[in-house]
Amino acid sequence: MAQDLTSRISFALLFALVLIVRNIFSIKQRKGMINIKNTGEDKTNFVIRRFLLEPALGIFMIIYFLNPVWIKFLIIPFPQFVNWLGIIVGLFGIALLIWVHIHLGKQWSADLQLNPDHQLIESGPYSRIRHPMYTALMTVYLALGIVSSNYIISTVFIMIIFSVVIRIPDEEKMMMGKFGERYKIYMQKTGRLLPKF
């Protein structure tokens, strides 16, 4: 029982921190927004993520926090240290997310879009990884799944991670169209989600 309460409190705090970070940078990005050309991503993936997975996650999270008796069987019996490990991994992911946002500045958009004066960022985390934003988000989602200690919430986060991975080729195609040979060279120097060694 104590582990269940600890998991829910840890999950709530970690999730709230992610929302705060995302909203702070969303507001900053909107202030600097200029005429943006939407190049789009795979529509099926977008619809599944935005209209199926995210609402499902919201519904399951409400049930999770209400904590009715009938969802007790969904608890993953992790040892306590796994919960702490999840929190540490989540905080690392959030720190990476902040670092990425700082380097992206006005280039960031929640959708696959390019500003007319879009720049190729190659500093900070982008000097080693092409998609550190996705690395950060997947790290946070994985951590939230672990910290929740709940089969359904963990499964939904894994599906969201999968939808992020599917999005990467669309983004790389978009960047290749904008930056051409320069992006090809950049791809050779960097890893997709982890540094190239």
N, C-alpha and C. Protein backbone atom coordinates (compact mmCIF):
# COMPACT_ATOMS: atom_id res chain seq x y z
N MET A 1 0.83 -1.21 0.00
CA MET A 1 0.00 0.00 0.00
C MET A 1 0.86 1.26 0.00
N ALA A 2 1.91 1.28 0.84
CA ALA A 2 2.81 2.45 0.91
C ALA A 2 3.52 2.65 -0.42
N GLN A 3 3.90 1.52 -1.09
CA GLN A 3 4.58 1.64 -2.38
C GLN A 3 3.63 2.25 -3.41
N ASP A 4 2.37 1.85 -3.39
CA ASP A 4 1.38 2.39 -4.32
C ASP A 4 1.24 3.90 -4.14
N LEU A 5 1.16 4.35 -2.91
CA LEU A 5 1.04 5.78 -2.63
C LEU A 5 2.31 6.52 -3.05
N THR A 6 3.47 5.96 -2.74
CA THR A 6 4.75 6.57 -3.13
C THR A 6 4.84 6.68 -4.64
N SER A 7 4.44 5.63 -5.34
CA SER A 7 4.46 5.64 -6.81
C SER A 7 3.57 6.74 -7.36
N ARG A 8 2.36 6.85 -6.83
CA ARG A 8 1.43 7.87 -7.34
C ARG A 8 1.92 9.29 -7.06
N ILE A 9 2.48 9.52 -5.87
CA ILE A 9 3.00 10.85 -5.55
C ILE A 9 4.21 11.18 -6.43
N SER A 10 5.14 10.22 -6.57
CA SER A 10 6.32 10.41 -7.42
C SER A 10 5.91 10.68 -8.85
N PHE A 11 4.95 9.89 -9.34
CA PHE A 11 4.45 10.06 -10.71
C PHE A 11 3.86 11.46 -10.90
N ALA A 12 3.03 11.88 -9.95
CA ALA A 12 2.38 13.20 -10.05
C ALA A 12 3.41 14.32 -10.08
N LEU A 13 4.41 14.25 -9.22
CA LEU A 13 5.44 15.30 -9.17
C LEU A 13 6.27 15.33 -10.45
N LEU A 14 6.67 14.15 -10.94
CA LEU A 14 7.47 14.08 -12.16
C LEU A 14 6.66 14.57 -13.36
N PHE A 15 5.41 14.14 -13.45
CA PHE A 15 4.56 14.55 -14.56
C PHE A 15 4.30 16.06 -14.52
N ALA A 16 4.05 16.60 -13.33
CA ALA A 16 3.83 18.05 -13.19
C ALA A 16 5.06 18.83 -13.62
N LEU A 17 6.24 18.34 -13.27
CA LEU A 17 7.48 19.00 -13.65
C LEU A 17 7.66 19.03 -15.17
N VAL A 18 7.34 17.91 -15.82
CA VAL A 18 7.41 17.85 -17.29
C VAL A 18 6.44 18.87 -17.90
N LEU A 19 5.21 18.92 -17.40
CA LEU A 19 4.22 19.87 -17.92
C LEU A 19 4.68 21.31 -17.74
N ILE A 20 5.25 21.62 -16.59
CA ILE A 20 5.73 22.98 -16.33
C ILE A 20 6.82 23.35 -17.33
N VAL A 21 7.79 22.46 -17.50
CA VAL A 21 8.90 22.73 -18.45
C VAL A 21 8.36 22.91 -19.85
N ARG A 22 7.50 22.00 -20.30
CA ARG A 22 6.95 22.10 -21.67
C ARG A 22 6.15 23.39 -21.86
N ASN A 23 5.36 23.75 -20.87
CA ASN A 23 4.54 24.97 -21.01
C ASN A 23 5.38 26.23 -20.98
N ILE A 24 6.40 26.28 -20.16
CA ILE A 24 7.28 27.46 -20.13
C ILE A 24 7.90 27.68 -21.51
N PHE A 25 8.43 26.62 -22.10
CA PHE A 25 9.08 26.77 -23.40
C PHE A 25 8.06 26.95 -24.53
N SER A 26 6.85 26.42 -24.36
CA SER A 26 5.78 26.64 -25.35
C SER A 26 5.41 28.12 -25.40
N ILE A 27 5.26 28.72 -24.24
CA ILE A 27 4.91 30.15 -24.16
C ILE A 27 6.02 30.99 -24.77
N LYS A 28 7.27 30.69 -24.44
CA LYS A 28 8.41 31.43 -25.00
C LYS A 28 8.45 31.29 -26.52
N GLN A 29 8.18 30.07 -27.02
CA GLN A 29 8.23 29.84 -28.45
C GLN A 29 7.13 30.60 -29.17
N ARG A 30 5.93 30.65 -28.60
CA ARG A 30 4.82 31.36 -29.23
C ARG A 30 5.09 32.85 -29.34
N LYS A 31 5.78 33.41 -28.34
CA LYS A 31 6.10 34.84 -28.37
C LYS A 31 6.97 35.19 -29.57
N GLY A 32 7.88 34.29 -29.94
CA GLY A 32 8.79 34.56 -31.04
C GLY A 32 8.31 34.00 -32.36
N MET A 33 7.08 33.52 -32.40
CA MET A 33 6.57 32.84 -33.59
C MET A 33 6.36 33.82 -34.74
N ILE A 34 6.82 33.39 -35.89
CA ILE A 34 6.58 34.16 -37.10
C ILE A 34 5.83 33.26 -38.07
N ASN A 35 5.66 33.70 -39.29
CA ASN A 35 4.92 32.93 -40.27
C ASN A 35 5.56 31.55 -40.48
N ILE A 36 4.90 30.51 -40.02
CA ILE A 36 5.48 29.18 -40.06
C ILE A 36 4.82 28.34 -41.16
N LYS A 37 5.66 27.66 -41.90
CA LYS A 37 5.19 26.77 -42.94
C LYS A 37 5.07 25.37 -42.35
N ASN A 38 3.87 24.81 -42.39
CA ASN A 38 3.66 23.47 -41.83
C ASN A 38 3.97 22.44 -42.90
N THR A 39 5.03 21.66 -42.68
CA THR A 39 5.38 20.63 -43.64
C THR A 39 4.72 19.31 -43.30
N GLY A 40 4.21 19.21 -42.09
CA GLY A 40 3.43 18.05 -41.69
C GLY A 40 4.25 16.79 -41.43
N GLU A 41 3.59 15.86 -40.79
CA GLU A 41 4.16 14.55 -40.52
C GLU A 41 3.14 13.53 -40.99
N ASP A 42 3.49 12.28 -40.87
CA ASP A 42 2.57 11.22 -41.22
C ASP A 42 1.25 11.43 -40.48
N LYS A 43 0.17 11.63 -41.20
CA LYS A 43 -1.12 11.98 -40.59
C LYS A 43 -1.66 10.87 -39.69
N THR A 44 -1.45 9.62 -40.08
CA THR A 44 -1.95 8.51 -39.26
C THR A 44 -1.30 8.52 -37.89
N ASN A 45 0.02 8.66 -37.87
CA ASN A 45 0.75 8.70 -36.61
C ASN A 45 0.29 9.88 -35.76
N PHE A 46 0.12 11.04 -36.40
CA PHE A 46 -0.33 12.24 -35.69
C PHE A 46 -1.71 12.01 -35.06
N VAL A 47 -2.64 11.47 -35.83
CA VAL A 47 -4.00 11.24 -35.35
C VAL A 47 -4.01 10.22 -34.21
N ILE A 48 -3.26 9.13 -34.38
CA ILE A 48 -3.21 8.11 -33.32
C ILE A 48 -2.66 8.70 -32.03
N ARG A 49 -1.55 9.46 -32.15
CA ARG A 49 -0.93 10.03 -30.95
C ARG A 49 -1.84 11.08 -30.31
N ARG A 50 -2.33 12.03 -31.13
CA ARG A 50 -3.07 13.17 -30.60
C ARG A 50 -4.49 12.83 -30.16
N PHE A 51 -5.15 11.94 -30.91
CA PHE A 51 -6.57 11.70 -30.64
C PHE A 51 -6.89 10.33 -30.04
N LEU A 52 -5.87 9.48 -29.90
CA LEU A 52 -6.11 8.17 -29.29
C LEU A 52 -5.22 7.97 -28.05
N LEU A 53 -3.90 8.05 -28.25
CA LEU A 53 -2.98 7.76 -27.14
C LEU A 53 -3.02 8.82 -26.04
N GLU A 54 -2.97 10.09 -26.42
CA GLU A 54 -2.96 11.14 -25.39
C GLU A 54 -4.28 11.19 -24.60
N PRO A 55 -5.45 11.11 -25.25
CA PRO A 55 -6.69 11.05 -24.45
C PRO A 55 -6.76 9.78 -23.59
N ALA A 56 -6.32 8.64 -24.14
CA ALA A 56 -6.33 7.39 -23.36
C ALA A 56 -5.45 7.55 -22.12
N LEU A 57 -4.29 8.17 -22.30
CA LEU A 57 -3.39 8.40 -21.17
C LEU A 57 -4.08 9.28 -20.12
N GLY A 58 -4.75 10.33 -20.58
CA GLY A 58 -5.46 11.21 -19.65
C GLY A 58 -6.53 10.48 -18.86
N ILE A 59 -7.30 9.64 -19.53
CA ILE A 59 -8.36 8.88 -18.86
C ILE A 59 -7.76 7.91 -17.84
N PHE A 60 -6.73 7.17 -18.26
CA PHE A 60 -6.11 6.21 -17.35
C PHE A 60 -5.44 6.90 -16.17
N MET A 61 -4.90 8.10 -16.40
CA MET A 61 -4.26 8.83 -15.31
C MET A 61 -5.29 9.29 -14.28
N ILE A 62 -6.45 9.71 -14.74
CA ILE A 62 -7.52 10.10 -13.80
C ILE A 62 -7.92 8.90 -12.95
N ILE A 63 -8.13 7.76 -13.61
CA ILE A 63 -8.48 6.54 -12.88
C ILE A 63 -7.36 6.17 -11.91
N TYR A 64 -6.13 6.28 -12.37
CA TYR A 64 -4.95 5.95 -11.56
C TYR A 64 -4.90 6.81 -10.29
N PHE A 65 -5.19 8.11 -10.44
CA PHE A 65 -5.13 8.98 -9.26
C PHE A 65 -6.34 8.82 -8.35
N LEU A 66 -7.48 8.47 -8.92
CA LEU A 66 -8.64 8.17 -8.07
C LEU A 66 -8.41 6.87 -7.30
N ASN A 67 -7.59 6.01 -7.92
CA ASN A 67 -7.14 4.76 -7.29
C ASN A 67 -8.28 3.86 -6.81
N PRO A 68 -9.23 3.54 -7.69
CA PRO A 68 -10.30 2.62 -7.25
C PRO A 68 -9.74 1.22 -7.01
N VAL A 69 -10.45 0.49 -6.20
CA VAL A 69 -10.04 -0.86 -5.80
C VAL A 69 -9.85 -1.77 -7.02
N TRP A 70 -10.70 -1.60 -8.05
CA TRP A 70 -10.67 -2.52 -9.17
C TRP A 70 -9.43 -2.37 -10.06
N ILE A 71 -8.58 -1.35 -9.83
CA ILE A 71 -7.35 -1.29 -10.65
C ILE A 71 -6.13 -1.78 -9.87
N LYS A 72 -6.31 -2.26 -8.67
CA LYS A 72 -5.19 -2.75 -7.87
C LYS A 72 -4.41 -3.85 -8.58
N PHE A 73 -5.12 -4.69 -9.39
CA PHE A 73 -4.44 -5.79 -10.07
C PHE A 73 -3.49 -5.27 -11.17
N LEU A 74 -3.58 -3.98 -11.52
CA LEU A 74 -2.70 -3.41 -12.55
C LEU A 74 -1.37 -2.91 -12.00
N ILE A 75 -1.18 -3.00 -10.70
CA ILE A 75 0.07 -2.54 -10.08
C ILE A 75 1.20 -3.50 -10.44
N ILE A 76 2.30 -2.93 -10.92
CA ILE A 76 3.50 -3.72 -11.20
C ILE A 76 4.30 -3.77 -9.88
N PRO A 77 4.56 -4.95 -9.36
CA PRO A 77 5.23 -5.04 -8.05
C PRO A 77 6.74 -4.81 -8.13
N PHE A 78 7.11 -3.58 -8.51
CA PHE A 78 8.53 -3.23 -8.56
C PHE A 78 9.09 -3.10 -7.14
N PRO A 79 10.36 -3.46 -6.95
CA PRO A 79 11.01 -3.13 -5.67
C PRO A 79 11.11 -1.60 -5.54
N GLN A 80 11.20 -1.10 -4.32
CA GLN A 80 11.23 0.35 -4.08
C GLN A 80 12.36 1.04 -4.83
N PHE A 81 13.53 0.37 -4.94
CA PHE A 81 14.66 1.03 -5.61
C PHE A 81 14.37 1.30 -7.09
N VAL A 82 13.50 0.50 -7.71
CA VAL A 82 13.13 0.72 -9.12
C VAL A 82 12.36 2.04 -9.24
N ASN A 83 11.50 2.33 -8.26
CA ASN A 83 10.78 3.60 -8.25
C ASN A 83 11.77 4.76 -8.18
N TRP A 84 12.75 4.65 -7.30
CA TRP A 84 13.76 5.71 -7.17
C TRP A 84 14.60 5.84 -8.44
N LEU A 85 14.93 4.71 -9.04
CA LEU A 85 15.68 4.72 -10.30
C LEU A 85 14.86 5.43 -11.38
N GLY A 86 13.56 5.16 -11.43
CA GLY A 86 12.67 5.84 -12.38
C GLY A 86 12.67 7.35 -12.17
N ILE A 87 12.65 7.77 -10.91
CA ILE A 87 12.67 9.21 -10.61
C ILE A 87 13.98 9.84 -11.10
N ILE A 88 15.10 9.18 -10.85
CA ILE A 88 16.41 9.70 -11.28
C ILE A 88 16.47 9.79 -12.80
N VAL A 89 16.02 8.73 -13.48
CA VAL A 89 16.00 8.72 -14.95
C VAL A 89 15.10 9.84 -15.46
N GLY A 90 13.93 10.03 -14.83
CA GLY A 90 13.01 11.09 -15.23
C GLY A 90 13.61 12.48 -15.06
N LEU A 91 14.29 12.71 -13.95
CA LEU A 91 14.94 14.01 -13.72
C LEU A 91 16.05 14.26 -14.74
N PHE A 92 16.79 13.21 -15.08
CA PHE A 92 17.81 13.33 -16.13
C PHE A 92 17.16 13.72 -17.46
N GLY A 93 16.04 13.05 -17.80
CA GLY A 93 15.32 13.36 -19.04
C GLY A 93 14.81 14.80 -19.05
N ILE A 94 14.32 15.28 -17.92
CA ILE A 94 13.82 16.66 -17.83
C ILE A 94 14.97 17.65 -17.97
N ALA A 95 16.13 17.35 -17.35
CA ALA A 95 17.31 18.22 -17.49
C ALA A 95 17.74 18.29 -18.95
N LEU A 96 17.74 17.14 -19.63
CA LEU A 96 18.07 17.11 -21.06
C LEU A 96 17.06 17.91 -21.87
N LEU A 97 15.79 17.79 -21.53
CA LEU A 97 14.73 18.52 -22.22
C LEU A 97 14.93 20.03 -22.10
N ILE A 98 15.30 20.49 -20.92
CA ILE A 98 15.57 21.93 -20.71
C ILE A 98 16.76 22.36 -21.54
N TRP A 99 17.83 21.57 -21.52
CA TRP A 99 19.04 21.89 -22.30
C TRP A 99 18.72 21.97 -23.79
N VAL A 100 17.92 21.03 -24.28
CA VAL A 100 17.52 21.02 -25.69
C VAL A 100 16.73 22.27 -26.03
N HIS A 101 15.75 22.61 -25.20
CA HIS A 101 14.93 23.80 -25.46
C HIS A 101 15.77 25.06 -25.47
N ILE A 102 16.73 25.16 -24.57
CA ILE A 102 17.60 26.35 -24.52
C ILE A 102 18.35 26.49 -25.85
N HIS A 103 18.84 25.39 -26.39
CA HIS A 103 19.60 25.47 -27.65
C HIS A 103 18.70 25.64 -28.87
N LEU A 104 17.49 25.12 -28.81
CA LEU A 104 16.57 25.27 -29.95
C LEU A 104 15.98 26.67 -30.05
N GLY A 105 15.65 27.26 -28.91
CA GLY A 105 15.05 28.59 -28.93
C GLY A 105 13.81 28.64 -29.79
N LYS A 106 13.76 29.60 -30.71
CA LYS A 106 12.58 29.81 -31.56
C LYS A 106 12.43 28.76 -32.66
N GLN A 107 13.43 27.88 -32.79
CA GLN A 107 13.36 26.85 -33.83
C GLN A 107 12.40 25.72 -33.43
N TRP A 108 12.03 25.67 -32.13
CA TRP A 108 11.20 24.56 -31.66
C TRP A 108 9.74 24.75 -32.01
N SER A 109 9.11 23.64 -32.34
CA SER A 109 7.66 23.60 -32.54
C SER A 109 7.19 22.21 -32.15
N ALA A 110 6.01 22.13 -31.56
CA ALA A 110 5.46 20.82 -31.19
C ALA A 110 5.11 20.01 -32.43
N ASP A 111 4.81 20.70 -33.52
CA ASP A 111 4.50 20.04 -34.79
C ASP A 111 5.72 20.09 -35.69
N LEU A 112 5.73 19.24 -36.71
CA LEU A 112 6.84 19.28 -37.66
C LEU A 112 6.65 20.49 -38.57
N GLN A 113 7.36 21.56 -38.24
CA GLN A 113 7.23 22.81 -38.97
C GLN A 113 8.60 23.47 -39.12
N LEU A 114 8.71 24.32 -40.13
CA LEU A 114 9.93 25.09 -40.32
C LEU A 114 9.58 26.57 -40.39
N ASN A 115 10.37 27.40 -39.72
CA ASN A 115 10.26 28.85 -39.90
C ASN A 115 10.86 29.18 -41.26
N PRO A 116 10.43 30.25 -41.90
CA PRO A 116 11.06 30.64 -43.17
C PRO A 116 12.57 30.86 -43.01
N ASP A 117 13.01 31.34 -41.85
CA ASP A 117 14.45 31.57 -41.61
C ASP A 117 15.02 30.50 -40.68
N HIS A 118 14.52 29.29 -40.79
CA HIS A 118 14.91 28.20 -39.90
C HIS A 118 16.42 27.94 -39.97
N GLN A 119 17.02 27.72 -38.80
CA GLN A 119 18.45 27.46 -38.71
C GLN A 119 18.67 25.99 -38.34
N LEU A 120 19.78 25.43 -38.79
CA LEU A 120 20.17 24.09 -38.37
C LEU A 120 21.00 24.25 -37.10
N ILE A 121 20.48 23.76 -36.00
CA ILE A 121 21.15 23.88 -34.71
C ILE A 121 22.15 22.73 -34.57
N GLU A 122 23.42 23.09 -34.31
CA GLU A 122 24.46 22.08 -34.15
C GLU A 122 25.25 22.28 -32.85
N SER A 123 24.67 23.02 -31.92
CA SER A 123 25.35 23.29 -30.65
C SER A 123 24.72 22.49 -29.53
N GLY A 124 25.38 22.49 -28.38
CA GLY A 124 24.85 21.80 -27.21
C GLY A 124 24.59 20.34 -27.49
N PRO A 125 23.42 19.83 -27.11
CA PRO A 125 23.13 18.41 -27.33
C PRO A 125 23.06 18.06 -28.81
N TYR A 126 22.81 19.06 -29.66
CA TYR A 126 22.72 18.83 -31.11
C TYR A 126 24.09 18.62 -31.75
N SER A 127 25.16 18.86 -31.01
CA SER A 127 26.49 18.61 -31.56
C SER A 127 26.79 17.12 -31.64
N ARG A 128 26.05 16.30 -30.88
CA ARG A 128 26.29 14.85 -30.86
C ARG A 128 25.07 14.03 -31.27
N ILE A 129 23.86 14.60 -31.10
CA ILE A 129 22.62 13.85 -31.35
C ILE A 129 21.71 14.70 -32.24
N ARG A 130 21.13 14.09 -33.28
CA ARG A 130 20.23 14.83 -34.17
C ARG A 130 18.88 15.10 -33.54
N HIS A 131 18.41 14.22 -32.69
CA HIS A 131 17.07 14.35 -32.12
C HIS A 131 17.09 14.25 -30.59
N PRO A 132 17.85 15.11 -29.92
CA PRO A 132 17.92 15.01 -28.46
C PRO A 132 16.59 15.31 -27.77
N MET A 133 15.71 16.07 -28.44
CA MET A 133 14.38 16.33 -27.87
C MET A 133 13.62 15.01 -27.72
N TYR A 134 13.70 14.17 -28.76
CA TYR A 134 13.02 12.89 -28.70
C TYR A 134 13.69 11.97 -27.67
N THR A 135 15.01 12.03 -27.59
CA THR A 135 15.73 11.25 -26.58
C THR A 135 15.25 11.65 -25.19
N ALA A 136 15.15 12.95 -24.95
CA ALA A 136 14.69 13.46 -23.65
C ALA A 136 13.27 13.02 -23.36
N LEU A 137 12.38 13.18 -24.34
CA LEU A 137 10.98 12.81 -24.14
C LEU A 137 10.82 11.31 -23.91
N MET A 138 11.53 10.50 -24.69
CA MET A 138 11.42 9.06 -24.51
C MET A 138 11.97 8.64 -23.15
N THR A 139 13.03 9.30 -22.69
CA THR A 139 13.58 9.02 -21.36
C THR A 139 12.55 9.35 -20.29
N VAL A 140 11.90 10.51 -20.43
CA VAL A 140 10.89 10.92 -19.46
C VAL A 140 9.69 9.97 -19.50
N TYR A 141 9.24 9.61 -20.70
CA TYR A 141 8.08 8.71 -20.82
C TYR A 141 8.40 7.34 -20.21
N LEU A 142 9.60 6.84 -20.47
CA LEU A 142 10.01 5.57 -19.89
C LEU A 142 10.01 5.66 -18.36
N ALA A 143 10.58 6.76 -17.84
CA ALA A 143 10.62 6.96 -16.40
C ALA A 143 9.22 7.04 -15.80
N LEU A 144 8.32 7.77 -16.48
CA LEU A 144 6.96 7.88 -15.97
C LEU A 144 6.26 6.52 -15.95
N GLY A 145 6.51 5.71 -16.96
CA GLY A 145 5.95 4.36 -16.99
C GLY A 145 6.44 3.54 -15.81
N ILE A 146 7.74 3.64 -15.53
CA ILE A 146 8.32 2.90 -14.40
C ILE A 146 7.76 3.42 -13.07
N VAL A 147 7.77 4.74 -12.91
CA VAL A 147 7.33 5.34 -11.64
C VAL A 147 5.85 5.07 -11.38
N SER A 148 5.05 5.01 -12.44
CA SER A 148 3.61 4.76 -12.24
C SER A 148 3.36 3.38 -11.64
N SER A 149 4.25 2.44 -11.92
CA SER A 149 4.08 1.05 -11.45
C SER A 149 2.70 0.52 -11.83
N ASN A 150 2.25 0.90 -13.04
CA ASN A 150 0.91 0.53 -13.50
C ASN A 150 1.02 -0.01 -14.92
N TYR A 151 0.49 -1.21 -15.15
CA TYR A 151 0.61 -1.85 -16.46
C TYR A 151 0.02 -1.02 -17.59
N ILE A 152 -1.17 -0.48 -17.40
CA ILE A 152 -1.84 0.25 -18.49
C ILE A 152 -1.10 1.55 -18.80
N ILE A 153 -0.78 2.32 -17.77
CA ILE A 153 -0.09 3.60 -18.01
C ILE A 153 1.27 3.34 -18.65
N SER A 154 1.99 2.33 -18.18
CA SER A 154 3.29 1.98 -18.78
C SER A 154 3.13 1.60 -20.25
N THR A 155 2.09 0.83 -20.55
CA THR A 155 1.84 0.41 -21.94
C THR A 155 1.54 1.60 -22.83
N VAL A 156 0.72 2.54 -22.34
CA VAL A 156 0.39 3.73 -23.15
C VAL A 156 1.65 4.56 -23.39
N PHE A 157 2.51 4.71 -22.37
CA PHE A 157 3.76 5.46 -22.58
C PHE A 157 4.66 4.75 -23.59
N ILE A 158 4.71 3.43 -23.56
CA ILE A 158 5.52 2.70 -24.54
C ILE A 158 4.97 2.94 -25.95
N MET A 159 3.65 2.98 -26.10
CA MET A 159 3.04 3.25 -27.40
C MET A 159 3.35 4.68 -27.85
N ILE A 160 3.37 5.63 -26.93
CA ILE A 160 3.72 7.01 -27.28
C ILE A 160 5.18 7.08 -27.72
N ILE A 161 6.06 6.36 -27.03
CA ILE A 161 7.47 6.31 -27.43
C ILE A 161 7.57 5.76 -28.85
N PHE A 162 6.83 4.72 -29.16
CA PHE A 162 6.83 4.13 -30.50
C PHE A 162 6.37 5.16 -31.54
N SER A 163 5.35 5.96 -31.21
CA SER A 163 4.86 6.98 -32.15
C SER A 163 5.90 8.07 -32.37
N VAL A 164 6.71 8.36 -31.35
CA VAL A 164 7.80 9.34 -31.50
C VAL A 164 8.86 8.79 -32.45
N VAL A 165 9.21 7.51 -32.29
CA VAL A 165 10.21 6.88 -33.16
C VAL A 165 9.74 6.90 -34.62
N ILE A 166 8.46 6.65 -34.83
CA ILE A 166 7.90 6.65 -36.20
C ILE A 166 7.98 8.05 -36.82
N ARG A 167 7.95 9.08 -36.00
CA ARG A 167 7.97 10.46 -36.49
C ARG A 167 9.35 10.90 -37.01
N ILE A 168 10.40 10.27 -36.54
CA ILE A 168 11.77 10.71 -36.85
C ILE A 168 12.06 10.75 -38.35
N PRO A 169 11.74 9.71 -39.14
CA PRO A 169 12.03 9.79 -40.58
C PRO A 169 11.34 10.97 -41.28
N ASP A 170 10.12 11.32 -40.84
CA ASP A 170 9.43 12.47 -41.42
C ASP A 170 10.21 13.76 -41.14
N GLU A 171 10.71 13.88 -39.92
CA GLU A 171 11.48 15.08 -39.57
C GLU A 171 12.79 15.13 -40.34
N GLU A 172 13.46 14.00 -40.48
CA GLU A 172 14.73 13.98 -41.21
C GLU A 172 14.52 14.31 -42.68
N LYS A 173 13.43 13.83 -43.24
CA LYS A 173 13.10 14.15 -44.65
C LYS A 173 12.86 15.65 -44.80
N MET A 174 12.14 16.24 -43.85
CA MET A 174 11.86 17.66 -43.86
C MET A 174 13.16 18.47 -43.76
N MET A 175 14.05 18.06 -42.85
CA MET A 175 15.31 18.77 -42.67
C MET A 175 16.21 18.61 -43.89
N MET A 176 16.19 17.44 -44.51
CA MET A 176 16.98 17.21 -45.72
C MET A 176 16.48 18.11 -46.85
N GLY A 177 15.16 18.27 -46.93
CA GLY A 177 14.59 19.16 -47.95
C GLY A 177 15.00 20.60 -47.74
N LYS A 178 15.15 21.02 -46.50
CA LYS A 178 15.52 22.40 -46.19
C LYS A 178 17.03 22.64 -46.30
N PHE A 179 17.84 21.71 -45.76
CA PHE A 179 19.27 21.96 -45.65
C PHE A 179 20.13 21.13 -46.59
N GLY A 180 19.54 20.16 -47.29
CA GLY A 180 20.26 19.39 -48.30
C GLY A 180 21.55 18.74 -47.85
N GLU A 181 22.63 19.02 -48.58
CA GLU A 181 23.93 18.40 -48.34
C GLU A 181 24.46 18.69 -46.93
N ARG A 182 24.18 19.88 -46.44
CA ARG A 182 24.64 20.24 -45.08
C ARG A 182 24.04 19.29 -44.04
N TYR A 183 22.77 18.92 -44.23
CA TYR A 183 22.13 18.01 -43.29
C TYR A 183 22.69 16.60 -43.43
N LYS A 184 23.04 16.20 -44.65
CA LYS A 184 23.65 14.88 -44.86
C LYS A 184 24.98 14.79 -44.10
N ILE A 185 25.77 15.83 -44.17
CA ILE A 185 27.05 15.87 -43.45
C ILE A 185 26.79 15.83 -41.94
N TYR A 186 25.80 16.58 -41.50
CA TYR A 186 25.43 16.60 -40.09
C TYR A 186 25.00 15.21 -39.63
N MET A 187 24.27 14.49 -40.48
CA MET A 187 23.81 13.14 -40.15
C MET A 187 25.00 12.19 -39.98
N GLN A 188 26.04 12.39 -40.77
CA GLN A 188 27.21 11.53 -40.68
C GLN A 188 27.98 11.76 -39.37
N LYS A 189 27.91 12.98 -38.83
CA LYS A 189 28.66 13.33 -37.62
C LYS A 189 27.91 12.97 -36.35
N THR A 190 26.59 12.80 -36.43
CA THR A 190 25.78 12.65 -35.22
C THR A 190 25.00 11.34 -35.20
N GLY A 191 24.64 10.92 -34.02
CA GLY A 191 23.76 9.77 -33.87
C GLY A 191 22.32 10.24 -33.89
N ARG A 192 21.41 9.36 -34.20
CA ARG A 192 20.00 9.72 -34.30
C ARG A 192 19.41 10.05 -32.92
N LEU A 193 19.54 9.15 -31.96
CA LEU A 193 18.98 9.35 -30.62
C LEU A 193 20.03 9.28 -29.52
N LEU A 194 21.17 8.73 -29.84
CA LEU A 194 22.29 8.65 -28.89
C LEU A 194 23.55 9.14 -29.59
N PRO A 195 24.54 9.60 -28.84
CA PRO A 195 25.77 10.07 -29.50
C PRO A 195 26.43 8.97 -30.30
N LYS A 196 27.07 9.37 -31.40
CA LYS A 196 27.81 8.43 -32.23
C LYS A 196 29.21 8.32 -31.65
N PHE A 197 29.66 7.11 -31.42
CA PHE A 197 31.00 6.92 -30.86
C PHE A 197 31.95 6.38 -31.88
